[in-house]
Amino acid sequence: MNNNEKLINDQILMELGFEIGQNKRIIDSDTCQPVQMNGKFLIAPGCTGSRITQEFDAYTNPKMMEKLFDYFTQKEGNENISAVYHVYDGKDKTTGSVECTIREGSITKTIKSESYHADSLKYLDLMRKLNGTNDNLNLKDMDYQRDTKAVKQKKNAAAPTAYKKKRG
């Protein structure tokens, strides 16, 4: 895990109100209960998971981050958040933001993250805005762009193929 991944995962833990407890399990500091995802206990970033644990790595795992954002909205009592959706910039859909709509009485307002390549940063930015976190952390410096072409090539290269040599 590189320094950016560690910093972002630590920031996500802080925004969620999580801490690392005994056995490296992630604990919700408000409920003092271990946090589970998909029936497994979340454990500290950098720790090896087992059949009953899963490593907390929301920075490189957008699906985990999306579930954690859902947990965040439920935990914070943000039941007034009626919609969360992605908005992409341009035709290539490699960058974009996440928006949520909040109802406060008769008023509806939209809160939008900044534009990032990494989905996890979109959700983190939105959480920071909803929490009112105001510090000098620049998430843009930690953004990354996935090279989807390289990922496809790697996938294809790793796939075993069988062939028979023709005789004759």
C-alpha atoms as a PDB file:
ATOM      1  CA  MET A   1       0.000   0.000   0.000  1.00  0.00           C
ATOM      2  CA  ASN A   2       1.537   3.323  -1.059  1.00  0.00           C
ATOM      3  CA  ASN A   3       1.437   6.586   0.920  1.00  0.00           C
ATOM      4  CA  ASN A   4      -1.562   7.995  -1.002  1.00  0.00           C
ATOM      5  CA  GLU A   5      -3.589   4.835  -0.436  1.00  0.00           C
ATOM      6  CA  LYS A   6      -2.759   4.893   3.283  1.00  0.00           C
ATOM      7  CA  LEU A   7      -3.583   8.601   3.616  1.00  0.00           C
ATOM      8  CA  ILE A   8      -6.904   8.254   1.767  1.00  0.00           C
ATOM      9  CA  ASN A   9      -7.934   5.098   3.665  1.00  0.00           C
ATOM     10  CA  ASP A  10      -7.095   6.853   6.963  1.00  0.00           C
ATOM     11  CA  GLN A  11      -9.155   9.871   5.861  1.00  0.00           C
ATOM     12  CA  ILE A  12     -12.106   7.631   4.966  1.00  0.00           C
ATOM     13  CA  LEU A  13     -11.889   5.905   8.363  1.00  0.00           C
ATOM     14  CA  MET A  14     -11.907   9.311  10.076  1.00  0.00           C
ATOM     15  CA  GLU A  15     -14.877  10.660   8.070  1.00  0.00           C
ATOM     16  CA  LEU A  16     -16.852   7.513   8.900  1.00  0.00           C
ATOM     17  CA  GLY A  17     -15.980   7.736  12.602  1.00  0.00           C
ATOM     18  CA  PHE A  18     -14.161   4.393  12.518  1.00  0.00           C
ATOM     19  CA  GLU A  19     -11.106   3.354  14.492  1.00  0.00           C
ATOM     20  CA  ILE A  20      -8.874   0.314  14.597  1.00  0.00           C
ATOM     21  CA  GLY A  21      -9.588  -1.876  17.600  1.00  0.00           C
ATOM     22  CA  GLN A  22      -8.421  -5.200  18.980  1.00  0.00           C
ATOM     23  CA  ASN A  23      -7.354  -7.837  16.484  1.00  0.00           C
ATOM     24  CA  LYS A  24      -6.998  -4.985  13.933  1.00  0.00           C
ATOM     25  CA  ARG A  25     -10.769  -4.938  13.426  1.00  0.00           C
ATOM     26  CA  ILE A  26     -12.463  -1.724  12.323  1.00  0.00           C
ATOM     27  CA  ILE A  27     -14.756  -0.385  15.065  1.00  0.00           C
ATOM     28  CA  ASP A  28     -17.513   2.205  14.681  1.00  0.00           C
ATOM     29  CA  SER A  29     -16.592   4.643  17.439  1.00  0.00           C
ATOM     30  CA  ASP A  30     -20.233   5.735  17.874  1.00  0.00           C
ATOM     31  CA  THR A  31     -21.581   2.241  18.515  1.00  0.00           C
ATOM     32  CA  CYS A  32     -18.349   0.576  19.748  1.00  0.00           C
ATOM     33  CA  GLN A  33     -19.230  -2.342  17.471  1.00  0.00           C
ATOM     34  CA  PRO A  34     -17.054  -4.004  14.831  1.00  0.00           C
ATOM     35  CA  VAL A  35     -18.034  -3.093  11.279  1.00  0.00           C
ATOM     36  CA  GLN A  36     -19.038  -5.872   8.902  1.00  0.00           C
ATOM     37  CA  MET A  37     -19.397  -5.930   5.145  1.00  0.00           C
ATOM     38  CA  ASN A  38     -20.814  -8.876   3.232  1.00  0.00           C
ATOM     39  CA  GLY A  39     -20.810 -10.906   6.447  1.00  0.00           C
ATOM     40  CA  LYS A  40     -17.100 -10.311   7.108  1.00  0.00           C
ATOM     41  CA  PHE A  41     -15.441  -8.111   9.705  1.00  0.00           C
ATOM     42  CA  LEU A  42     -13.458  -5.238   8.235  1.00  0.00           C
ATOM     43  CA  ILE A  43      -9.828  -5.164   9.361  1.00  0.00           C
ATOM     44  CA  ALA A  44      -7.165  -2.470   9.224  1.00  0.00           C
ATOM     45  CA  PRO A  45      -5.651  -1.462   5.880  1.00  0.00           C
ATOM     46  CA  GLY A  46      -2.583  -3.525   5.076  1.00  0.00           C
ATOM     47  CA  CYS A  47      -3.701  -6.556   7.113  1.00  0.00           C
ATOM     48  CA  THR A  48      -4.339  -9.884   5.454  1.00  0.00           C
ATOM     49  CA  GLY A  49      -7.958 -11.003   5.455  1.00  0.00           C
ATOM     50  CA  SER A  50      -9.284 -14.457   6.241  1.00  0.00           C
ATOM     51  CA  ARG A  51     -12.536 -16.300   5.683  1.00  0.00           C
ATOM     52  CA  ILE A  52     -14.211 -14.118   8.362  1.00  0.00           C
ATOM     53  CA  THR A  53     -12.380 -10.834   7.722  1.00  0.00           C
ATOM     54  CA  GLN A  54     -11.862  -8.444   4.831  1.00  0.00           C
ATOM     55  CA  GLU A  55      -9.157  -5.799   4.512  1.00  0.00           C
ATOM     56  CA  PHE A  56     -10.375  -2.195   4.575  1.00  0.00           C
ATOM     57  CA  ASP A  57      -9.188  -0.772   1.263  1.00  0.00           C
ATOM     58  CA  ALA A  58     -11.844   1.671   0.157  1.00  0.00           C
ATOM     59  CA  TYR A  59      -9.395   3.714  -1.908  1.00  0.00           C
ATOM     60  CA  THR A  60      -8.755   1.012  -4.514  1.00  0.00           C
ATOM     61  CA  ASN A  61     -12.109  -0.753  -4.084  1.00  0.00           C
ATOM     62  CA  PRO A  62     -14.916   1.505  -5.396  1.00  0.00           C
ATOM     63  CA  LYS A  63     -17.644  -1.029  -4.533  1.00  0.00           C
ATOM     64  CA  MET A  64     -16.489  -1.042  -0.912  1.00  0.00           C
ATOM     65  CA  MET A  65     -16.468   2.754  -0.914  1.00  0.00           C
ATOM     66  CA  GLU A  66     -19.984   2.888  -2.329  1.00  0.00           C
ATOM     67  CA  LYS A  67     -21.243   0.567   0.435  1.00  0.00           C
ATOM     68  CA  LEU A  68     -19.388   2.610   3.046  1.00  0.00           C
ATOM     69  CA  PHE A  69     -21.046   5.770   1.711  1.00  0.00           C
ATOM     70  CA  ASP A  70     -24.446   4.074   2.150  1.00  0.00           C
ATOM     71  CA  TYR A  71     -23.414   3.172   5.711  1.00  0.00           C
ATOM     72  CA  PHE A  72     -22.336   6.785   6.247  1.00  0.00           C
ATOM     73  CA  THR A  73     -25.694   8.193   5.138  1.00  0.00           C
ATOM     74  CA  GLN A  74     -27.597   5.766   7.384  1.00  0.00           C
ATOM     75  CA  LYS A  75     -25.281   6.365  10.341  1.00  0.00           C
ATOM     76  CA  GLU A  76     -25.472  10.131  10.106  1.00  0.00           C
ATOM     77  CA  GLY A  77     -29.255  10.026   9.973  1.00  0.00           C
ATOM     78  CA  ASN A  78     -29.181  11.413   6.485  1.00  0.00           C
ATOM     79  CA  GLU A  79     -32.402   9.692   5.526  1.00  0.00           C
ATOM     80  CA  ASN A  80     -33.254  12.892   3.706  1.00  0.00           C
ATOM     81  CA  ILE A  81     -30.713  12.014   1.028  1.00  0.00           C
ATOM     82  CA  SER A  82     -33.048  10.913  -1.706  1.00  0.00           C
ATOM     83  CA  ALA A  83     -30.698  10.291  -4.621  1.00  0.00           C
ATOM     84  CA  VAL A  84     -27.026   9.623  -5.174  1.00  0.00           C
ATOM     85  CA  TYR A  85     -25.815   9.493  -8.733  1.00  0.00           C
ATOM     86  CA  HIS A  86     -22.725   9.820 -10.910  1.00  0.00           C
ATOM     87  CA  VAL A  87     -22.232  12.694 -13.321  1.00  0.00           C
ATOM     88  CA  TYR A  88     -19.503  12.214 -15.920  1.00  0.00           C
ATOM     89  CA  ASP A  89     -17.449  14.930 -17.582  1.00  0.00           C
ATOM     90  CA  GLY A  90     -17.095  14.678 -21.339  1.00  0.00           C
ATOM     91  CA  LYS A  91     -17.653  11.762 -23.661  1.00  0.00           C
ATOM     92  CA  ASP A  92     -14.890   9.473 -22.391  1.00  0.00           C
ATOM     93  CA  LYS A  93     -16.494   9.068 -18.947  1.00  0.00           C
ATOM     94  CA  THR A  94     -13.095   8.790 -17.239  1.00  0.00           C
ATOM     95  CA  THR A  95     -13.702  11.674 -14.852  1.00  0.00           C
ATOM     96  CA  GLY A  96     -16.754  12.815 -13.041  1.00  0.00           C
ATOM     97  CA  SER A  97     -18.392  13.559  -9.742  1.00  0.00           C
ATOM     98  CA  VAL A  98     -20.984  12.170  -7.389  1.00  0.00           C
ATOM     99  CA  GLU A  99     -24.035  14.192  -6.449  1.00  0.00           C
ATOM    100  CA  CYS A 100     -26.649  13.697  -3.794  1.00  0.00           C
ATOM    101  CA  THR A 101     -29.972  15.386  -3.332  1.00  0.00           C
ATOM    102  CA  ILE A 102     -30.991  16.328   0.200  1.00  0.00           C
ATOM    103  CA  ARG A 103     -34.442  17.334   1.377  1.00  0.00           C
ATOM    104  CA  GLU A 104     -34.584  19.687   4.349  1.00  0.00           C
ATOM    105  CA  GLY A 105     -38.235  20.355   4.997  1.00  0.00           C
ATOM    106  CA  SER A 106     -39.672  21.873   1.838  1.00  0.00           C
ATOM    107  CA  ILE A 107     -36.225  22.754   0.479  1.00  0.00           C
ATOM    108  CA  THR A 108     -34.265  20.405  -1.783  1.00  0.00           C
ATOM    109  CA  LYS A 109     -30.600  21.008  -2.442  1.00  0.00           C
ATOM    110  CA  THR A 110     -27.909  19.178  -4.356  1.00  0.00           C
ATOM    111  CA  ILE A 111     -24.404  18.633  -3.027  1.00  0.00           C
ATOM    112  CA  LYS A 112     -21.776  17.639  -5.563  1.00  0.00           C
ATOM    113  CA  SER A 113     -18.254  16.303  -5.209  1.00  0.00           C
ATOM    114  CA  GLU A 114     -15.388  17.708  -7.209  1.00  0.00           C
ATOM    115  CA  SER A 115     -14.485  15.875 -10.394  1.00  0.00           C
ATOM    116  CA  TYR A 116     -12.084  12.913 -10.033  1.00  0.00           C
ATOM    117  CA  HIS A 117     -10.982   9.818 -11.922  1.00  0.00           C
ATOM    118  CA  ALA A 118     -11.131   7.596  -8.811  1.00  0.00           C
ATOM    119  CA  ASP A 119     -14.692   6.821  -7.703  1.00  0.00           C
ATOM    120  CA  SER A 120     -13.536   6.471  -4.096  1.00  0.00           C
ATOM    121  CA  LEU A 121     -12.335  10.076  -4.059  1.00  0.00           C
ATOM    122  CA  LYS A 122     -15.710  11.246  -5.362  1.00  0.00           C
ATOM    123  CA  TYR A 123     -17.461   9.616  -2.404  1.00  0.00           C
ATOM    124  CA  LEU A 124     -14.824  10.797   0.080  1.00  0.00           C
ATOM    125  CA  ASP A 125     -15.141  14.376  -1.174  1.00  0.00           C
ATOM    126  CA  LEU A 126     -18.924  14.183  -0.823  1.00  0.00           C
ATOM    127  CA  MET A 127     -18.624  12.775   2.737  1.00  0.00           C
ATOM    128  CA  ARG A 128     -16.226  15.581   3.654  1.00  0.00           C
ATOM    129  CA  LYS A 129     -18.707  18.156   2.368  1.00  0.00           C
ATOM    130  CA  LEU A 130     -21.612  16.565   4.249  1.00  0.00           C
ATOM    131  CA  ASN A 131     -19.490  16.394   7.434  1.00  0.00           C
ATOM    132  CA  GLY A 132     -18.301  19.982   7.004  1.00  0.00           C
ATOM    133  CA  THR A 133     -14.650  18.901   6.999  1.00  0.00           C
ATOM    134  CA  ASN A 134     -12.538  21.880   6.078  1.00  0.00           C
ATOM    135  CA  ASP A 135      -8.804  21.305   6.013  1.00  0.00           C
ATOM    136  CA  ASN A 136      -5.961  21.660   3.553  1.00  0.00           C
ATOM    137  CA  LEU A 137      -6.064  18.097   2.220  1.00  0.00           C
ATOM    138  CA  ASN A 138      -5.978  18.252  -1.588  1.00  0.00           C
ATOM    139  CA  LEU A 139      -7.626  15.107  -2.939  1.00  0.00           C
ATOM    140  CA  LYS A 140      -6.766  16.101  -6.526  1.00  0.00           C
ATOM    141  CA  ASP A 141      -3.102  15.355  -5.758  1.00  0.00           C
ATOM    142  CA  MET A 142      -4.062  11.769  -4.910  1.00  0.00           C
ATOM    143  CA  ASP A 143      -6.312  11.088  -7.869  1.00  0.00           C
ATOM    144  CA  TYR A 144      -5.376   8.419 -10.352  1.00  0.00           C
ATOM    145  CA  GLN A 145      -6.607   7.445 -13.773  1.00  0.00           C
ATOM    146  CA  ARG A 146      -7.056   3.793 -14.505  1.00  0.00           C
ATOM    147  CA  ASP A 147      -5.612   2.747 -17.810  1.00  0.00           C
ATOM    148  CA  THR A 148      -8.510   0.559 -18.946  1.00  0.00           C
ATOM    149  CA  LYS A 149      -6.659  -0.475 -22.097  1.00  0.00           C
ATOM    150  CA  ALA A 150      -3.719  -1.809 -20.050  1.00  0.00           C
ATOM    151  CA  VAL A 151      -6.114  -3.604 -17.682  1.00  0.00           C
ATOM    152  CA  LYS A 152      -7.840  -5.314 -20.629  1.00  0.00           C
ATOM    153  CA  GLN A 153      -4.513  -6.298 -22.157  1.00  0.00           C
ATOM    154  CA  LYS A 154      -3.347  -7.704 -18.834  1.00  0.00           C
ATOM    155  CA  LYS A 155      -6.612  -9.624 -18.449  1.00  0.00           C
ATOM    156  CA  ASN A 156      -6.361 -11.056 -21.931  1.00  0.00           C
ATOM    157  CA  ALA A 157      -2.701 -11.954 -21.504  1.00  0.00           C
ATOM    158  CA  ALA A 158      -3.411 -13.778 -18.260  1.00  0.00           C
ATOM    159  CA  ALA A 159      -6.233 -15.860 -19.705  1.00  0.00           C
ATOM    160  CA  PRO A 160      -4.982 -19.353 -20.540  1.00  0.00           C
ATOM    161  CA  THR A 161      -5.858 -20.698 -23.943  1.00  0.00           C
ATOM    162  CA  ALA A 162      -5.752 -24.253 -25.200  1.00  0.00           C
ATOM    163  CA  TYR A 163      -4.914 -25.272 -28.699  1.00  0.00           C
ATOM    164  CA  LYS A 164      -4.133 -28.466 -30.530  1.00  0.00           C
ATOM    165  CA  LYS A 165      -1.300 -28.686 -32.930  1.00  0.00           C
ATOM    166  CA  LYS A 166      -2.464 -30.005 -36.257  1.00  0.00           C
ATOM    167  CA  ARG A 167      -0.715 -33.132 -37.400  1.00  0.00           C
ATOM    168  CA  GLY A 168       0.246 -33.777 -40.830  1.00  0.00           C
END
